[in-house]
Amino acid sequence: MSEYITAILLLLGSFFLLVAALGILRMPDVFIRMHAATKAGTVGAGLVLLSAIIYFWELKITLRGLATIGFLLLTAPIAAHMIGRTAYFIKVPFWKKMGVDEFKKYLETGWKRENKQVEDNK
């Protein structure tokens, strides 16, 4: 029975990793590529590691696999945030159909609102 669960998890993980790879190749700009790679890549790698945990079912492998899954879940969103923020501030061009840049509006007006709130609290 565990072989079937392992096979299903391995196939699902491989599918998500394939989707992440295709997302990196097919998406139009760095921000959307980063999103595809982070979400699908993390889920895919987690499922593949989970299948290895179930297949081998030893304490050392289970602990290493769970630690790796935890590490991926903690670091992937932070890395994606930092890559996106850096790309934004070095002015990597957006996709031409993107629309409105909401973050730019916040940068122009957000600091004033925060300073006003600080002054109101004094």
C-alpha atoms as a PDB file:
ATOM      1  CA  MET A   1       0.000   0.000   0.000  1.00  0.00           C
ATOM      2  CA  SER A   2       2.821   2.415   0.799  1.00  0.00           C
ATOM      3  CA  GLU A   3       4.241   1.905  -2.704  1.00  0.00           C
ATOM      4  CA  TYR A   4       1.010   3.237  -4.197  1.00  0.00           C
ATOM      5  CA  ILE A   5       1.008   6.267  -1.921  1.00  0.00           C
ATOM      6  CA  THR A   6       4.666   6.858  -2.740  1.00  0.00           C
ATOM      7  CA  ALA A   7       3.981   6.597  -6.465  1.00  0.00           C
ATOM      8  CA  ILE A   8       1.032   9.000  -6.283  1.00  0.00           C
ATOM      9  CA  LEU A   9       3.000  11.556  -4.253  1.00  0.00           C
ATOM     10  CA  LEU A  10       5.976  11.227  -6.571  1.00  0.00           C
ATOM     11  CA  LEU A  11       3.821  11.744  -9.656  1.00  0.00           C
ATOM     12  CA  LEU A  12       2.044  14.731  -8.098  1.00  0.00           C
ATOM     13  CA  GLY A  13       5.345  16.251  -7.024  1.00  0.00           C
ATOM     14  CA  SER A  14       6.821  15.729 -10.472  1.00  0.00           C
ATOM     15  CA  PHE A  15       3.758  17.340 -12.026  1.00  0.00           C
ATOM     16  CA  PHE A  16       4.114  20.427  -9.816  1.00  0.00           C
ATOM     17  CA  LEU A  17       7.821  20.645 -10.586  1.00  0.00           C
ATOM     18  CA  LEU A  18       7.042  20.415 -14.297  1.00  0.00           C
ATOM     19  CA  VAL A  19       4.466  23.187 -13.940  1.00  0.00           C
ATOM     20  CA  ALA A  20       7.047  25.323 -12.108  1.00  0.00           C
ATOM     21  CA  ALA A  21       9.604  24.751 -14.870  1.00  0.00           C
ATOM     22  CA  LEU A  22       7.079  25.557 -17.576  1.00  0.00           C
ATOM     23  CA  GLY A  23       6.017  28.643 -15.633  1.00  0.00           C
ATOM     24  CA  ILE A  24       9.583  29.892 -15.570  1.00  0.00           C
ATOM     25  CA  LEU A  25       9.892  29.367 -19.323  1.00  0.00           C
ATOM     26  CA  ARG A  26       6.491  30.652 -20.406  1.00  0.00           C
ATOM     27  CA  MET A  27       5.595  33.543 -18.101  1.00  0.00           C
ATOM     28  CA  PRO A  28       6.154  37.052 -19.433  1.00  0.00           C
ATOM     29  CA  ASP A  29       8.069  38.853 -16.671  1.00  0.00           C
ATOM     30  CA  VAL A  30      10.269  38.189 -13.671  1.00  0.00           C
ATOM     31  CA  PHE A  31       7.526  38.773 -11.106  1.00  0.00           C
ATOM     32  CA  ILE A  32       5.138  36.201 -12.548  1.00  0.00           C
ATOM     33  CA  ARG A  33       8.001  33.752 -13.158  1.00  0.00           C
ATOM     34  CA  MET A  34       9.078  34.106  -9.558  1.00  0.00           C
ATOM     35  CA  HIS A  35       5.534  33.417  -8.377  1.00  0.00           C
ATOM     36  CA  ALA A  36       5.252  30.266 -10.510  1.00  0.00           C
ATOM     37  CA  ALA A  37       8.628  28.957  -9.416  1.00  0.00           C
ATOM     38  CA  THR A  38       8.031  29.615  -5.736  1.00  0.00           C
ATOM     39  CA  LYS A  39       4.525  28.217  -5.367  1.00  0.00           C
ATOM     40  CA  ALA A  40       4.631  25.181  -7.634  1.00  0.00           C
ATOM     41  CA  GLY A  41       8.299  24.434  -6.992  1.00  0.00           C
ATOM     42  CA  THR A  42       7.872  24.365  -3.224  1.00  0.00           C
ATOM     43  CA  VAL A  43       4.789  22.157  -3.393  1.00  0.00           C
ATOM     44  CA  GLY A  44       6.454  19.826  -5.910  1.00  0.00           C
ATOM     45  CA  ALA A  45       9.655  19.459  -3.918  1.00  0.00           C
ATOM     46  CA  GLY A  46       7.665  18.917  -0.738  1.00  0.00           C
ATOM     47  CA  LEU A  47       5.611  16.145  -2.317  1.00  0.00           C
ATOM     48  CA  VAL A  48       8.698  14.422  -3.716  1.00  0.00           C
ATOM     49  CA  LEU A  49      10.375  14.568  -0.302  1.00  0.00           C
ATOM     50  CA  LEU A  50       7.212  13.266   1.342  1.00  0.00           C
ATOM     51  CA  SER A  51       7.183  10.333  -1.058  1.00  0.00           C
ATOM     52  CA  ALA A  52      10.801   9.548  -0.134  1.00  0.00           C
ATOM     53  CA  ILE A  53       9.902   9.711   3.549  1.00  0.00           C
ATOM     54  CA  ILE A  54       7.052   7.250   3.092  1.00  0.00           C
ATOM     55  CA  TYR A  55       9.048   4.919   0.848  1.00  0.00           C
ATOM     56  CA  PHE A  56      12.121   4.584   3.082  1.00  0.00           C
ATOM     57  CA  TRP A  57      10.367   5.064   6.437  1.00  0.00           C
ATOM     58  CA  GLU A  58      13.466   5.332   8.589  1.00  0.00           C
ATOM     59  CA  LEU A  59      13.946   7.815  11.388  1.00  0.00           C
ATOM     60  CA  LYS A  60      17.031   9.516   9.908  1.00  0.00           C
ATOM     61  CA  ILE A  61      15.437   9.928   6.492  1.00  0.00           C
ATOM     62  CA  THR A  62      12.134  11.082   7.983  1.00  0.00           C
ATOM     63  CA  LEU A  63      13.812  13.735  10.109  1.00  0.00           C
ATOM     64  CA  ARG A  64      15.959  14.968   7.231  1.00  0.00           C
ATOM     65  CA  GLY A  65      12.987  15.037   4.885  1.00  0.00           C
ATOM     66  CA  LEU A  66      10.778  16.907   7.338  1.00  0.00           C
ATOM     67  CA  ALA A  67      13.583  19.355   8.108  1.00  0.00           C
ATOM     68  CA  THR A  68      14.078  19.979   4.392  1.00  0.00           C
ATOM     69  CA  ILE A  69      10.344  20.496   3.822  1.00  0.00           C
ATOM     70  CA  GLY A  70      10.265  22.922   6.760  1.00  0.00           C
ATOM     71  CA  PHE A  71      13.309  24.742   5.412  1.00  0.00           C
ATOM     72  CA  LEU A  72      11.665  25.075   1.989  1.00  0.00           C
ATOM     73  CA  LEU A  73       8.431  26.358   3.481  1.00  0.00           C
ATOM     74  CA  LEU A  74      10.299  28.946   5.545  1.00  0.00           C
ATOM     75  CA  THR A  75      12.816  30.171   2.988  1.00  0.00           C
ATOM     76  CA  ALA A  76      10.984  30.080  -0.350  1.00  0.00           C
ATOM     77  CA  PRO A  77       8.513  32.906   0.432  1.00  0.00           C
ATOM     78  CA  ILE A  78      11.276  35.065   1.900  1.00  0.00           C
ATOM     79  CA  ALA A  79      13.532  34.495  -1.088  1.00  0.00           C
ATOM     80  CA  ALA A  80      10.688  35.253  -3.513  1.00  0.00           C
ATOM     81  CA  HIS A  81       9.874  38.443  -1.641  1.00  0.00           C
ATOM     82  CA  MET A  82      13.484  39.603  -1.742  1.00  0.00           C
ATOM     83  CA  ILE A  83      13.887  38.771  -5.434  1.00  0.00           C
ATOM     84  CA  GLY A  84      10.663  40.586  -6.306  1.00  0.00           C
ATOM     85  CA  ARG A  85      11.558  43.598  -4.188  1.00  0.00           C
ATOM     86  CA  THR A  86      15.028  43.821  -5.705  1.00  0.00           C
ATOM     87  CA  ALA A  87      13.649  43.463  -9.225  1.00  0.00           C
ATOM     88  CA  TYR A  88      11.136  46.232  -8.515  1.00  0.00           C
ATOM     89  CA  PHE A  89      13.691  48.657  -7.121  1.00  0.00           C
ATOM     90  CA  ILE A  90      16.202  48.125  -9.938  1.00  0.00           C
ATOM     91  CA  LYS A  91      13.288  48.840 -12.289  1.00  0.00           C
ATOM     92  CA  VAL A  92      12.983  45.536 -14.108  1.00  0.00           C
ATOM     93  CA  PRO A  93      10.246  46.196 -16.692  1.00  0.00           C
ATOM     94  CA  PHE A  94       6.765  44.897 -15.984  1.00  0.00           C
ATOM     95  CA  TRP A  95       4.683  42.904 -18.398  1.00  0.00           C
ATOM     96  CA  LYS A  96       3.019  45.357 -20.789  1.00  0.00           C
ATOM     97  CA  LYS A  97      -0.486  44.086 -19.892  1.00  0.00           C
ATOM     98  CA  MET A  98       0.071  44.352 -16.150  1.00  0.00           C
ATOM     99  CA  GLY A  99      -2.055  47.407 -15.454  1.00  0.00           C
ATOM    100  CA  VAL A 100      -1.663  49.646 -12.425  1.00  0.00           C
ATOM    101  CA  ASP A 101       1.425  49.644 -10.226  1.00  0.00           C
ATOM    102  CA  GLU A 102      -0.137  49.634  -6.748  1.00  0.00           C
ATOM    103  CA  PHE A 103       3.183  49.577  -4.934  1.00  0.00           C
ATOM    104  CA  LYS A 104       4.271  52.798  -6.615  1.00  0.00           C
ATOM    105  CA  LYS A 105       1.165  54.512  -5.258  1.00  0.00           C
ATOM    106  CA  TYR A 106       2.035  53.287  -1.771  1.00  0.00           C
ATOM    107  CA  LEU A 107       5.595  54.511  -2.046  1.00  0.00           C
ATOM    108  CA  GLU A 108       4.367  57.946  -3.116  1.00  0.00           C
ATOM    109  CA  THR A 109       1.644  58.329  -0.473  1.00  0.00           C
ATOM    110  CA  GLY A 110       2.251  55.625   2.138  1.00  0.00           C
ATOM    111  CA  TRP A 111       5.142  57.310   3.884  1.00  0.00           C
ATOM    112  CA  LYS A 112       3.085  60.469   4.360  1.00  0.00           C
ATOM    113  CA  ARG A 113       0.254  58.506   5.954  1.00  0.00           C
ATOM    114  CA  GLU A 114       2.615  56.737   8.343  1.00  0.00           C
ATOM    115  CA  ASN A 115       4.314  59.986   9.346  1.00  0.00           C
ATOM    116  CA  LYS A 116       0.922  61.624   9.879  1.00  0.00           C
ATOM    117  CA  GLN A 117      -0.140  58.760  12.167  1.00  0.00           C
ATOM    118  CA  VAL A 118       3.053  59.133  14.187  1.00  0.00           C
ATOM    119  CA  GLU A 119       2.466  62.888  14.511  1.00  0.00           C
ATOM    120  CA  ASP A 120      -1.170  62.305  15.541  1.00  0.00           C
ATOM    121  CA  ASN A 121      -0.048  59.980  18.340  1.00  0.00           C
ATOM    122  CA  LYS A 122       2.290  62.598  19.866  1.00  0.00           C
END
